[in-house]
Amino acid sequence: MMNESQIFALLEKALPRRAFFFLAPMGTKEPFLIFQRVTQLPQNTMCGYAQADQVHYRIDSYARTHAEALSNMERVLKILRASPDPPIVNNEQDLYEQDTRIHRTSIDISTWYQPE
């Protein structure tokens, strides 16, 4: 199980001072990472709440070139997979942001969260 703070700390290792929650501050130059929670699903059994939630996050790597966005995401994946309790990578995709003319590589990950 990994919580949001632990994942964010790993992203900071992958791209120091270039990882942000939800949005990069106005005027931030590429490359950077965006991290956000997409869904949190409580798990239930026949006896009720199972005291654990499955949490899905999205991590986006933004850069001026596809190669740089991909390279930064590979760094993220290497660090996440080397962690003591690595998340599950559910989806990977490459996108081009036409409005801003920057490349984006995205992954969706999931992990478990146990409320205290």
PDB file of N, CA and C in Angstrom:
ATOM      1  N   MET A   1       0.836  -1.178   0.000  1.00  0.00           N
ATOM      2  CA  MET A   1       0.000   0.000   0.000  1.00  0.00           C
ATOM      3  C   MET A   1       0.881   1.240   0.000  1.00  0.00           C
ATOM      4  N   MET A   2       0.515   2.172  -0.843  1.00  0.00           N
ATOM      5  CA  MET A   2       1.240   3.423  -0.927  1.00  0.00           C
ATOM      6  C   MET A   2       0.220   4.557  -0.900  1.00  0.00           C
ATOM      7  N   ASN A   3       0.487   5.572  -0.097  1.00  0.00           N
ATOM      8  CA  ASN A   3      -0.440   6.696  -0.079  1.00  0.00           C
ATOM      9  C   ASN A   3       0.027   7.794  -1.043  1.00  0.00           C
ATOM     10  N   GLU A   4      -0.804   8.795  -1.187  1.00  0.00           N
ATOM     11  CA  GLU A   4      -0.545   9.888  -2.127  1.00  0.00           C
ATOM     12  C   GLU A   4       0.791  10.584  -1.858  1.00  0.00           C
ATOM     13  N   SER A   5       1.094  10.834  -0.597  1.00  0.00           N
ATOM     14  CA  SER A   5       2.342  11.517  -0.240  1.00  0.00           C
ATOM     15  C   SER A   5       3.560  10.685  -0.612  1.00  0.00           C
ATOM     16  N   GLN A   6       3.476   9.377  -0.406  1.00  0.00           N
ATOM     17  CA  GLN A   6       4.587   8.504  -0.749  1.00  0.00           C
ATOM     18  C   GLN A   6       4.825   8.467  -2.258  1.00  0.00           C
ATOM     19  N   ILE A   7       3.747   8.413  -3.026  1.00  0.00           N
ATOM     20  CA  ILE A   7       3.883   8.422  -4.489  1.00  0.00           C
ATOM     21  C   ILE A   7       4.481   9.749  -4.948  1.00  0.00           C
ATOM     22  N   PHE A   8       3.977  10.850  -4.383  1.00  0.00           N
ATOM     23  CA  PHE A   8       4.489  12.163  -4.771  1.00  0.00           C
ATOM     24  C   PHE A   8       5.978  12.285  -4.455  1.00  0.00           C
ATOM     25  N   ALA A   9       6.416  11.751  -3.324  1.00  0.00           N
ATOM     26  CA  ALA A   9       7.838  11.789  -2.962  1.00  0.00           C
ATOM     27  C   ALA A   9       8.683  11.038  -4.000  1.00  0.00           C
ATOM     28  N   LEU A  10       8.157   9.936  -4.513  1.00  0.00           N
ATOM     29  CA  LEU A  10       8.874   9.196  -5.558  1.00  0.00           C
ATOM     30  C   LEU A  10       8.941   9.996  -6.860  1.00  0.00           C
ATOM     31  N   LEU A  11       7.869  10.721  -7.184  1.00  0.00           N
ATOM     32  CA  LEU A  11       7.875  11.559  -8.386  1.00  0.00           C
ATOM     33  C   LEU A  11       8.907  12.680  -8.258  1.00  0.00           C
ATOM     34  N   GLU A  12       9.044  13.209  -7.056  1.00  0.00           N
ATOM     35  CA  GLU A  12      10.049  14.244  -6.803  1.00  0.00           C
ATOM     36  C   GLU A  12      11.461  13.704  -7.042  1.00  0.00           C
ATOM     37  N   LYS A  13      11.682  12.429  -6.748  1.00  0.00           N
ATOM     38  CA  LYS A  13      12.985  11.815  -7.009  1.00  0.00           C
ATOM     39  C   LYS A  13      13.222  11.674  -8.512  1.00  0.00           C
ATOM     40  N   ALA A  14      12.166  11.368  -9.240  1.00  0.00           N
ATOM     41  CA  ALA A  14      12.290  11.180 -10.692  1.00  0.00           C
ATOM     42  C   ALA A  14      12.586  12.495 -11.407  1.00  0.00           C
ATOM     43  N   LEU A  15      11.939  13.568 -10.982  1.00  0.00           N
ATOM     44  CA  LEU A  15      12.114  14.872 -11.612  1.00  0.00           C
ATOM     45  C   LEU A  15      12.057  15.938 -10.507  1.00  0.00           C
ATOM     46  N   PRO A  16      13.169  16.155  -9.809  1.00  0.00           N
ATOM     47  CA  PRO A  16      13.172  17.062  -8.645  1.00  0.00           C
ATOM     48  C   PRO A  16      12.628  18.460  -8.956  1.00  0.00           C
ATOM     49  N   ARG A  17      11.773  18.916  -8.074  1.00  0.00           N
ATOM     50  CA  ARG A  17      11.135  20.253  -8.146  1.00  0.00           C
ATOM     51  C   ARG A  17      10.346  20.472  -9.428  1.00  0.00           C
ATOM     52  N   ARG A  18       9.985  19.377 -10.116  1.00  0.00           N
ATOM     53  CA  ARG A  18       9.238  19.483 -11.370  1.00  0.00           C
ATOM     54  C   ARG A  18       7.967  18.647 -11.330  1.00  0.00           C
ATOM     55  N   ALA A  19       7.540  18.220 -10.127  1.00  0.00           N
ATOM     56  CA  ALA A  19       6.314  17.433  -9.972  1.00  0.00           C
ATOM     57  C   ALA A  19       5.282  18.287  -9.243  1.00  0.00           C
ATOM     58  N   PHE A  20       4.023  18.234  -9.740  1.00  0.00           N
ATOM     59  CA  PHE A  20       2.959  19.076  -9.186  1.00  0.00           C
ATOM     60  C   PHE A  20       1.666  18.282  -9.061  1.00  0.00           C
ATOM     61  N   PHE A  21       0.856  18.665  -8.071  1.00  0.00           N
ATOM     62  CA  PHE A  21      -0.494  18.118  -7.948  1.00  0.00           C
ATOM     63  C   PHE A  21      -1.410  18.886  -8.889  1.00  0.00           C
ATOM     64  N   PHE A  22      -2.221  18.219  -9.653  1.00  0.00           N
ATOM     65  CA  PHE A  22      -3.288  18.747 -10.501  1.00  0.00           C
ATOM     66  C   PHE A  22      -2.837  19.635 -11.658  1.00  0.00           C
ATOM     67  N   LEU A  23      -2.138  20.740 -11.365  1.00  0.00           N
ATOM     68  CA  LEU A  23      -1.711  21.683 -12.400  1.00  0.00           C
ATOM     69  C   LEU A  23      -0.329  22.216 -12.090  1.00  0.00           C
ATOM     70  N   ALA A  24       0.426  22.493 -13.133  1.00  0.00           N
ATOM     71  CA  ALA A  24       1.704  23.186 -12.944  1.00  0.00           C
ATOM     72  C   ALA A  24       1.405  24.668 -12.755  1.00  0.00           C
ATOM     73  N   PRO A  25       2.181  25.359 -11.932  1.00  0.00           N
ATOM     74  CA  PRO A  25       1.971  26.800 -11.772  1.00  0.00           C
ATOM     75  C   PRO A  25       2.097  27.531 -13.114  1.00  0.00           C
ATOM     76  N   MET A  26       1.358  28.594 -13.256  1.00  0.00           N
ATOM     77  CA  MET A  26       1.377  29.384 -14.484  1.00  0.00           C
ATOM     78  C   MET A  26       2.808  29.771 -14.833  1.00  0.00           C
ATOM     79  N   GLY A  27       3.194  29.570 -16.075  1.00  0.00           N
ATOM     80  CA  GLY A  27       4.518  29.940 -16.548  1.00  0.00           C
ATOM     81  C   GLY A  27       5.583  28.862 -16.355  1.00  0.00           C
ATOM     82  N   THR A  28       5.199  27.698 -15.827  1.00  0.00           N
ATOM     83  CA  THR A  28       6.172  26.614 -15.639  1.00  0.00           C
ATOM     84  C   THR A  28       6.634  26.100 -16.993  1.00  0.00           C
ATOM     85  N   LYS A  29       7.922  26.019 -17.163  1.00  0.00           N
ATOM     86  CA  LYS A  29       8.501  25.502 -18.411  1.00  0.00           C
ATOM     87  C   LYS A  29       8.635  23.986 -18.331  1.00  0.00           C
ATOM     88  N   GLU A  30       8.553  23.343 -19.465  1.00  0.00           N
ATOM     89  CA  GLU A  30       8.719  21.909 -19.543  1.00  0.00           C
ATOM     90  C   GLU A  30      10.195  21.575 -19.326  1.00  0.00           C
ATOM     91  N   PRO A  31      10.479  20.383 -18.864  1.00  0.00           N
ATOM     92  CA  PRO A  31       9.583  19.269 -18.569  1.00  0.00           C
ATOM     93  C   PRO A  31       9.025  19.368 -17.146  1.00  0.00           C
ATOM     94  N   PHE A  32       7.866  18.712 -16.939  1.00  0.00           N
ATOM     95  CA  PHE A  32       7.300  18.598 -15.601  1.00  0.00           C
ATOM     96  C   PHE A  32       6.339  17.420 -15.556  1.00  0.00           C
ATOM     97  N   LEU A  33       5.986  17.039 -14.328  1.00  0.00           N
ATOM     98  CA  LEU A  33       5.056  15.943 -14.079  1.00  0.00           C
ATOM     99  C   LEU A  33       3.815  16.480 -13.382  1.00  0.00           C
ATOM    100  N   ILE A  34       2.669  15.931 -13.738  1.00  0.00           N
ATOM    101  CA  ILE A  34       1.415  16.241 -13.064  1.00  0.00           C
ATOM    102  C   ILE A  34       0.898  14.946 -12.454  1.00  0.00           C
ATOM    103  N   PHE A  35       0.423  15.041 -11.221  1.00  0.00           N
ATOM    104  CA  PHE A  35      -0.047  13.884 -10.472  1.00  0.00           C
ATOM    105  C   PHE A  35      -1.429  14.198  -9.917  1.00  0.00           C
ATOM    106  N   GLN A  36      -2.372  13.280 -10.120  1.00  0.00           N
ATOM    107  CA  GLN A  36      -3.717  13.495  -9.575  1.00  0.00           C
ATOM    108  C   GLN A  36      -4.427  12.179  -9.292  1.00  0.00           C
ATOM    109  N   ARG A  37      -5.301  12.229  -8.290  1.00  0.00           N
ATOM    110  CA  ARG A  37      -6.133  11.073  -7.981  1.00  0.00           C
ATOM    111  C   ARG A  37      -7.311  11.085  -8.935  1.00  0.00           C
ATOM    112  N   VAL A  38      -7.590   9.960  -9.543  1.00  0.00           N
ATOM    113  CA  VAL A  38      -8.689   9.853 -10.500  1.00  0.00           C
ATOM    114  C   VAL A  38      -9.933   9.281  -9.825  1.00  0.00           C
ATOM    115  N   THR A  39      -9.778   8.161  -9.132  1.00  0.00           N
ATOM    116  CA  THR A  39     -10.896   7.568  -8.396  1.00  0.00           C
ATOM    117  C   THR A  39     -10.380   6.881  -7.140  1.00  0.00           C
ATOM    118  N   GLN A  40     -11.277   6.774  -6.189  1.00  0.00           N
ATOM    119  CA  GLN A  40     -11.003   6.012  -4.973  1.00  0.00           C
ATOM    120  C   GLN A  40     -12.237   5.156  -4.721  1.00  0.00           C
ATOM    121  N   LEU A  41     -12.040   3.844  -4.798  1.00  0.00           N
ATOM    122  CA  LEU A  41     -13.160   2.914  -4.717  1.00  0.00           C
ATOM    123  C   LEU A  41     -13.114   2.113  -3.423  1.00  0.00           C
ATOM    124  N   PRO A  42     -14.089   2.315  -2.523  1.00  0.00           N
ATOM    125  CA  PRO A  42     -14.132   1.509  -1.305  1.00  0.00           C
ATOM    126  C   PRO A  42     -14.397   0.045  -1.660  1.00  0.00           C
ATOM    127  N   GLN A  43     -13.715  -0.844  -0.971  1.00  0.00           N
ATOM    128  CA  GLN A  43     -13.906  -2.272  -1.198  1.00  0.00           C
ATOM    129  C   GLN A  43     -14.835  -2.824  -0.124  1.00  0.00           C
ATOM    130  N   ASN A  44     -15.802  -3.599  -0.549  1.00  0.00           N
ATOM    131  CA  ASN A  44     -16.793  -4.148   0.370  1.00  0.00           C
ATOM    132  C   ASN A  44     -16.821  -5.665   0.276  1.00  0.00           C
ATOM    133  N   THR A  45     -17.209  -6.281   1.372  1.00  0.00           N
ATOM    134  CA  THR A  45     -17.419  -7.723   1.415  1.00  0.00           C
ATOM    135  C   THR A  45     -18.867  -7.957   1.839  1.00  0.00           C
ATOM    136  N   MET A  46     -19.247  -9.186   2.010  1.00  0.00           N
ATOM    137  CA  MET A  46     -20.603  -9.490   2.477  1.00  0.00           C
ATOM    138  C   MET A  46     -20.844  -8.941   3.882  1.00  0.00           C
ATOM    139  N   CYS A  47     -19.755  -8.673   4.605  1.00  0.00           N
ATOM    140  CA  CYS A  47     -19.865  -8.148   5.975  1.00  0.00           C
ATOM    141  C   CYS A  47     -19.776  -6.619   6.017  1.00  0.00           C
ATOM    142  N   GLY A  48     -19.664  -5.975   4.863  1.00  0.00           N
ATOM    143  CA  GLY A  48     -19.577  -4.515   4.822  1.00  0.00           C
ATOM    144  C   GLY A  48     -18.232  -4.036   4.323  1.00  0.00           C
ATOM    145  N   TYR A  49     -17.858  -2.832   4.742  1.00  0.00           N
ATOM    146  CA  TYR A  49     -16.619  -2.190   4.294  1.00  0.00           C
ATOM    147  C   TYR A  49     -15.405  -3.026   4.695  1.00  0.00           C
ATOM    148  N   ALA A  50     -14.489  -3.250   3.775  1.00  0.00           N
ATOM    149  CA  ALA A  50     -13.323  -4.111   3.991  1.00  0.00           C
ATOM    150  C   ALA A  50     -12.114  -3.362   4.569  1.00  0.00           C
ATOM    151  N   GLN A  51     -12.297  -2.101   4.971  1.00  0.00           N
ATOM    152  CA  GLN A  51     -11.221  -1.295   5.551  1.00  0.00           C
ATOM    153  C   GLN A  51     -10.080  -1.037   4.570  1.00  0.00           C
ATOM    154  N   ALA A  52     -10.391  -1.002   3.281  1.00  0.00           N
ATOM    155  CA  ALA A  52      -9.387  -0.695   2.264  1.00  0.00           C
ATOM    156  C   ALA A  52     -10.076  -0.115   1.035  1.00  0.00           C
ATOM    157  N   ASP A  53      -9.404   0.829   0.402  1.00  0.00           N
ATOM    158  CA  ASP A  53      -9.894   1.432  -0.838  1.00  0.00           C
ATOM    159  C   ASP A  53      -8.873   1.179  -1.936  1.00  0.00           C
ATOM    160  N   GLN A  54      -9.366   0.929  -3.145  1.00  0.00           N
ATOM    161  CA  GLN A  54      -8.471   0.881  -4.285  1.00  0.00           C
ATOM    162  C   GLN A  54      -8.450   2.289  -4.873  1.00  0.00           C
ATOM    163  N   VAL A  55      -7.250   2.840  -5.016  1.00  0.00           N
ATOM    164  CA  VAL A  55      -7.106   4.219  -5.476  1.00  0.00           C
ATOM    165  C   VAL A  55      -6.385   4.222  -6.819  1.00  0.00           C
ATOM    166  N   HIS A  56      -6.945   4.978  -7.762  1.00  0.00           N
ATOM    167  CA  HIS A  56      -6.367   5.108  -9.101  1.00  0.00           C
ATOM    168  C   HIS A  56      -5.836   6.539  -9.263  1.00  0.00           C
ATOM    169  N   TYR A  57      -4.604   6.629  -9.753  1.00  0.00           N
ATOM    170  CA  TYR A  57      -3.953   7.914  -9.991  1.00  0.00           C
ATOM    171  C   TYR A  57      -3.531   8.012 -11.447  1.00  0.00           C
ATOM    172  N   ARG A  58      -3.385   9.232 -11.926  1.00  0.00           N
ATOM    173  CA  ARG A  58      -2.825   9.480 -13.250  1.00  0.00           C
ATOM    174  C   ARG A  58      -1.567  10.320 -13.074  1.00  0.00           C
ATOM    175  N   ILE A  59      -0.537   9.923 -13.799  1.00  0.00           N
ATOM    176  CA  ILE A  59       0.714  10.679 -13.828  1.00  0.00           C
ATOM    177  C   ILE A  59       0.968  11.060 -15.273  1.00  0.00           C
ATOM    178  N   ASP A  60       1.174  12.347 -15.509  1.00  0.00           N
ATOM    179  CA  ASP A  60       1.436  12.867 -16.848  1.00  0.00           C
ATOM    180  C   ASP A  60       2.836  13.467 -16.887  1.00  0.00           C
ATOM    181  N   SER A  61       3.576  13.136 -17.922  1.00  0.00           N
ATOM    182  CA  SER A  61       4.889  13.715 -18.165  1.00  0.00           C
ATOM    183  C   SER A  61       4.765  14.650 -19.367  1.00  0.00           C
ATOM    184  N   TYR A  62       5.055  15.925 -19.157  1.00  0.00           N
ATOM    185  CA  TYR A  62       4.972  16.930 -20.221  1.00  0.00           C
ATOM    186  C   TYR A  62       6.383  17.361 -20.620  1.00  0.00           C
ATOM    187  N   ALA A  63       6.618  17.487 -21.935  1.00  0.00           N
ATOM    188  CA  ALA A  63       7.916  17.947 -22.437  1.00  0.00           C
ATOM    189  C   ALA A  63       7.739  18.498 -23.848  1.00  0.00           C
ATOM    190  N   ARG A  64       8.747  19.198 -24.325  1.00  0.00           N
ATOM    191  CA  ARG A  64       8.708  19.770 -25.673  1.00  0.00           C
ATOM    192  C   ARG A  64       8.823  18.707 -26.753  1.00  0.00           C
ATOM    193  N   THR A  65       9.480  17.578 -26.431  1.00  0.00           N
ATOM    194  CA  THR A  65       9.607  16.507 -27.417  1.00  0.00           C
ATOM    195  C   THR A  65       9.026  15.214 -26.849  1.00  0.00           C
ATOM    196  N   HIS A  66       8.600  14.341 -27.753  1.00  0.00           N
ATOM    197  CA  HIS A  66       8.074  13.052 -27.330  1.00  0.00           C
ATOM    198  C   HIS A  66       9.154  12.239 -26.626  1.00  0.00           C
ATOM    199  N   ALA A  67      10.365  12.282 -27.147  1.00  0.00           N
ATOM    200  CA  ALA A  67      11.469  11.514 -26.562  1.00  0.00           C
ATOM    201  C   ALA A  67      11.727  11.926 -25.109  1.00  0.00           C
ATOM    202  N   GLU A  68      11.680  13.220 -24.836  1.00  0.00           N
ATOM    203  CA  GLU A  68      11.917  13.693 -23.469  1.00  0.00           C
ATOM    204  C   GLU A  68      10.763  13.316 -22.544  1.00  0.00           C
ATOM    205  N   ALA A  69       9.523  13.451 -23.010  1.00  0.00           N
ATOM    206  CA  ALA A  69       8.366  13.053 -22.198  1.00  0.00           C
ATOM    207  C   ALA A  69       8.441  11.571 -21.866  1.00  0.00           C
ATOM    208  N   LEU A  70       8.806  10.767 -22.849  1.00  0.00           N
ATOM    209  CA  LEU A  70       8.917   9.322 -22.663  1.00  0.00           C
ATOM    210  C   LEU A  70      10.072   8.969 -21.722  1.00  0.00           C
ATOM    211  N   SER A  71      11.194   9.618 -21.880  1.00  0.00           N
ATOM    212  CA  SER A  71      12.353   9.374 -21.025  1.00  0.00           C
ATOM    213  C   SER A  71      12.038   9.700 -19.558  1.00  0.00           C
ATOM    214  N   ASN A  72      11.360  10.818 -19.334  1.00  0.00           N
ATOM    215  CA  ASN A  72      10.984  11.190 -17.971  1.00  0.00           C
ATOM    216  C   ASN A  72       9.998  10.193 -17.377  1.00  0.00           C
ATOM    217  N   MET A  73       9.076   9.698 -18.188  1.00  0.00           N
ATOM    218  CA  MET A  73       8.118   8.714 -17.696  1.00  0.00           C
ATOM    219  C   MET A  73       8.821   7.393 -17.398  1.00  0.00           C
ATOM    220  N   GLU A  74       9.799   7.035 -18.194  1.00  0.00           N
ATOM    221  CA  GLU A  74      10.565   5.813 -17.917  1.00  0.00           C
ATOM    222  C   GLU A  74      11.283   5.916 -16.577  1.00  0.00           C
ATOM    223  N   ARG A  75      11.775   7.115 -16.255  1.00  0.00           N
ATOM    224  CA  ARG A  75      12.393   7.345 -14.941  1.00  0.00           C
ATOM    225  C   ARG A  75      11.381   7.159 -13.819  1.00  0.00           C
ATOM    226  N   VAL A  76      10.180   7.708 -14.030  1.00  0.00           N
ATOM    227  CA  VAL A  76       9.099   7.553 -13.049  1.00  0.00           C
ATOM    228  C   VAL A  76       8.780   6.075 -12.841  1.00  0.00           C
ATOM    229  N   LEU A  77       8.595   5.349 -13.935  1.00  0.00           N
ATOM    230  CA  LEU A  77       8.252   3.927 -13.832  1.00  0.00           C
ATOM    231  C   LEU A  77       9.351   3.131 -13.139  1.00  0.00           C
ATOM    232  N   LYS A  78      10.596   3.437 -13.430  1.00  0.00           N
ATOM    233  CA  LYS A  78      11.712   2.726 -12.803  1.00  0.00           C
ATOM    234  C   LYS A  78      11.690   2.935 -11.289  1.00  0.00           C
ATOM    235  N   ILE A  79      11.463   4.164 -10.854  1.00  0.00           N
ATOM    236  CA  ILE A  79      11.431   4.471  -9.420  1.00  0.00           C
ATOM    237  C   ILE A  79      10.208   3.840  -8.761  1.00  0.00           C
ATOM    238  N   LEU A  80       9.041   3.929  -9.406  1.00  0.00           N
ATOM    239  CA  LEU A  80       7.838   3.322  -8.833  1.00  0.00           C
ATOM    240  C   LEU A  80       8.000   1.811  -8.694  1.00  0.00           C
ATOM    241  N   ARG A  81       8.527   1.169  -9.730  1.00  0.00           N
ATOM    242  CA  ARG A  81       8.668  -0.295  -9.712  1.00  0.00           C
ATOM    243  C   ARG A  81       9.727  -0.766  -8.720  1.00  0.00           C
ATOM    244  N   ALA A  82      10.685   0.088  -8.371  1.00  0.00           N
ATOM    245  CA  ALA A  82      11.723  -0.265  -7.409  1.00  0.00           C
ATOM    246  C   ALA A  82      11.286  -0.022  -5.962  1.00  0.00           C
ATOM    247  N   SER A  83      10.123   0.592  -5.766  1.00  0.00           N
ATOM    248  CA  SER A  83       9.657   0.875  -4.411  1.00  0.00           C
ATOM    249  C   SER A  83       9.258  -0.420  -3.702  1.00  0.00           C
ATOM    250  N   PRO A  84       9.228  -0.401  -2.369  1.00  0.00           N
ATOM    251  CA  PRO A  84       8.914  -1.620  -1.616  1.00  0.00           C
ATOM    252  C   PRO A  84       7.532  -2.204  -1.920  1.00  0.00           C
ATOM    253  N   ASP A  85       6.579  -1.377  -2.250  1.00  0.00           N
ATOM    254  CA  ASP A  85       5.220  -1.841  -2.555  1.00  0.00           C
ATOM    255  C   ASP A  85       4.754  -1.165  -3.842  1.00  0.00           C
ATOM    256  N   PRO A  86       5.263  -1.594  -5.000  1.00  0.00           N
ATOM    257  CA  PRO A  86       4.983  -0.875  -6.252  1.00  0.00           C
ATOM    258  C   PRO A  86       3.504  -0.904  -6.634  1.00  0.00           C
ATOM    259  N   PRO A  87       3.031   0.210  -7.201  1.00  0.00           N
ATOM    260  CA  PRO A  87       1.653   0.237  -7.689  1.00  0.00           C
ATOM    261  C   PRO A  87       1.510  -0.576  -8.971  1.00  0.00           C
ATOM    262  N   ILE A  88       0.284  -0.851  -9.334  1.00  0.00           N
ATOM    263  CA  ILE A  88      -0.014  -1.550 -10.584  1.00  0.00           C
ATOM    264  C   ILE A  88      -0.151  -0.503 -11.686  1.00  0.00           C
ATOM    265  N   VAL A  89       0.545  -0.701 -12.786  1.00  0.00           N
ATOM    266  CA  VAL A  89       0.411   0.204 -13.939  1.00  0.00           C
ATOM    267  C   VAL A  89      -0.706  -0.357 -14.811  1.00  0.00           C
ATOM    268  N   ASN A  90      -1.777   0.426 -14.973  1.00  0.00           N
ATOM    269  CA  ASN A  90      -2.956  -0.033 -15.695  1.00  0.00           C
ATOM    270  C   ASN A  90      -2.996   0.390 -17.154  1.00  0.00           C
ATOM    271  N   ASN A  91      -2.385   1.509 -17.462  1.00  0.00           N
ATOM    272  CA  ASN A  91      -2.540   2.057 -18.804  1.00  0.00           C
ATOM    273  C   ASN A  91      -1.391   3.019 -19.086  1.00  0.00           C
ATOM    274  N   GLU A  92      -0.883   2.985 -20.306  1.00  0.00           N
ATOM    275  CA  GLU A  92       0.122   3.946 -20.739  1.00  0.00           C
ATOM    276  C   GLU A  92      -0.316   4.502 -22.084  1.00  0.00           C
ATOM    277  N   GLN A  93      -0.129   5.803 -22.282  1.00  0.00           N
ATOM    278  CA  GLN A  93      -0.464   6.372 -23.585  1.00  0.00           C
ATOM    279  C   GLN A  93       0.357   7.619 -23.867  1.00  0.00           C
ATOM    280  N   ASP A  94       0.520   7.899 -25.146  1.00  0.00           N
ATOM    281  CA  ASP A  94       1.226   9.081 -25.617  1.00  0.00           C
ATOM    282  C   ASP A  94       0.223  10.009 -26.281  1.00  0.00           C
ATOM    283  N   LEU A  95       0.352  11.295 -25.961  1.00  0.00           N
ATOM    284  CA  LEU A  95      -0.565  12.288 -26.510  1.00  0.00           C
ATOM    285  C   LEU A  95       0.216  13.524 -26.938  1.00  0.00           C
ATOM    286  N   TYR A  96      -0.380  14.293 -27.811  1.00  0.00           N
ATOM    287  CA  TYR A  96       0.193  15.577 -28.201  1.00  0.00           C
ATOM    288  C   TYR A  96      -0.848  16.638 -27.913  1.00  0.00           C
ATOM    289  N   GLU A  97      -0.460  17.639 -27.125  1.00  0.00           N
ATOM    290  CA  GLU A  97      -1.374  18.728 -26.762  1.00  0.00           C
ATOM    291  C   GLU A  97      -1.295  19.804 -27.850  1.00  0.00           C
ATOM    292  N   GLN A  98      -2.300  19.833 -28.702  1.00  0.00           N
ATOM    293  CA  GLN A  98      -2.285  20.767 -29.832  1.00  0.00           C
ATOM    294  C   GLN A  98      -2.261  22.231 -29.397  1.00  0.00           C
ATOM    295  N   ASP A  99      -3.027  22.568 -28.361  1.00  0.00           N
ATOM    296  CA  ASP A  99      -3.113  23.967 -27.928  1.00  0.00           C
ATOM    297  C   ASP A  99      -1.780  24.505 -27.416  1.00  0.00           C
ATOM    298  N   THR A 100      -1.065  23.693 -26.658  1.00  0.00           N
ATOM    299  CA  THR A 100       0.184  24.154 -26.059  1.00  0.00           C
ATOM    300  C   THR A 100       1.418  23.679 -26.829  1.00  0.00           C
ATOM    301  N   ARG A 101       1.196  22.759 -27.780  1.00  0.00           N
ATOM    302  CA  ARG A 101       2.267  22.200 -28.599  1.00  0.00           C
ATOM    303  C   ARG A 101       3.342  21.494 -27.778  1.00  0.00           C
ATOM    304  N   ILE A 102       2.868  20.769 -26.761  1.00  0.00           N
ATOM    305  CA  ILE A 102       3.797  19.967 -25.978  1.00  0.00           C
ATOM    306  C   ILE A 102       3.346  18.514 -25.984  1.00  0.00           C
ATOM    307  N   HIS A 103       4.292  17.639 -25.742  1.00  0.00           N
ATOM    308  CA  HIS A 103       4.032  16.201 -25.736  1.00  0.00           C
ATOM    309  C   HIS A 103       3.698  15.751 -24.324  1.00  0.00           C
ATOM    310  N   ARG A 104       2.817  14.767 -24.237  1.00  0.00           N
ATOM    311  CA  ARG A 104       2.417  14.229 -22.942  1.00  0.00           C
ATOM    312  C   ARG A 104       2.440  12.712 -23.010  1.00  0.00           C
ATOM    313  N   THR A 105       3.067  12.111 -22.029  1.00  0.00           N
ATOM    314  CA  THR A 105       3.016  10.675 -21.846  1.00  0.00           C
ATOM    315  C   THR A 105       2.311  10.448 -20.515  1.00  0.00           C
ATOM    316  N   SER A 106       1.298   9.589 -20.525  1.00  0.00           N
ATOM    317  CA  SER A 106       0.484   9.357 -19.324  1.00  0.00           C
ATOM    318  C   SER A 106       0.512   7.905 -18.910  1.00  0.00           C
ATOM    319  N   ILE A 107       0.436   7.701 -17.589  1.00  0.00           N
ATOM    320  CA  ILE A 107       0.194   6.365 -17.063  1.00  0.00           C
ATOM    321  C   ILE A 107      -0.906   6.463 -16.009  1.00  0.00           C
ATOM    322  N   ASP A 108      -1.672   5.415 -15.898  1.00  0.00           N
ATOM    323  CA  ASP A 108      -2.642   5.272 -14.814  1.00  0.00           C
ATOM    324  C   ASP A 108      -2.101   4.174 -13.915  1.00  0.00           C
ATOM    325  N   ILE A 109      -2.080   4.443 -12.624  1.00  0.00           N
ATOM    326  CA  ILE A 109      -1.609   3.444 -11.665  1.00  0.00           C
ATOM    327  C   ILE A 109      -2.690   3.225 -10.616  1.00  0.00           C
ATOM    328  N   SER A 110      -2.641   2.089  -9.961  1.00  0.00           N
ATOM    329  CA  SER A 110      -3.553   1.851  -8.851  1.00  0.00           C
ATOM    330  C   SER A 110      -2.795   1.230  -7.692  1.00  0.00           C
ATOM    331  N   THR A 111      -3.264   1.545  -6.508  1.00  0.00           N
ATOM    332  CA  THR A 111      -2.694   1.034  -5.283  1.00  0.00           C
ATOM    333  C   THR A 111      -3.816   0.923  -4.254  1.00  0.00           C
ATOM    334  N   TRP A 112      -3.503   0.436  -3.092  1.00  0.00           N
ATOM    335  CA  TRP A 112      -4.488   0.284  -2.031  1.00  0.00           C
ATOM    336  C   TRP A 112      -4.218   1.288  -0.942  1.00  0.00           C
ATOM    337  N   TYR A 113      -5.293   1.775  -0.345  1.00  0.00           N
ATOM    338  CA  TYR A 113      -5.218   2.733   0.753  1.00  0.00           C
ATOM    339  C   TYR A 113      -6.031   2.171   1.907  1.00  0.00           C
ATOM    340  N   GLN A 114      -5.438   2.186   3.078  1.00  0.00           N
ATOM    341  CA  GLN A 114      -6.131   1.691   4.259  1.00  0.00           C
ATOM    342  C   GLN A 114      -6.284   2.846   5.243  1.00  0.00           C
ATOM    343  N   PRO A 115      -7.508   3.365   5.408  1.00  0.00           N
ATOM    344  CA  PRO A 115      -7.717   4.473   6.341  1.00  0.00           C
ATOM    345  C   PRO A 115      -7.289   4.066   7.764  1.00  0.00           C
ATOM    346  N   GLU A 116      -6.773   5.030   8.479  1.00  0.00           N
ATOM    347  CA  GLU A 116      -6.323   4.735   9.863  1.00  0.00           C
ATOM    348  C   GLU A 116      -7.467   4.795  10.842  1.00  0.00           C
TER     349      GLU A 116
END
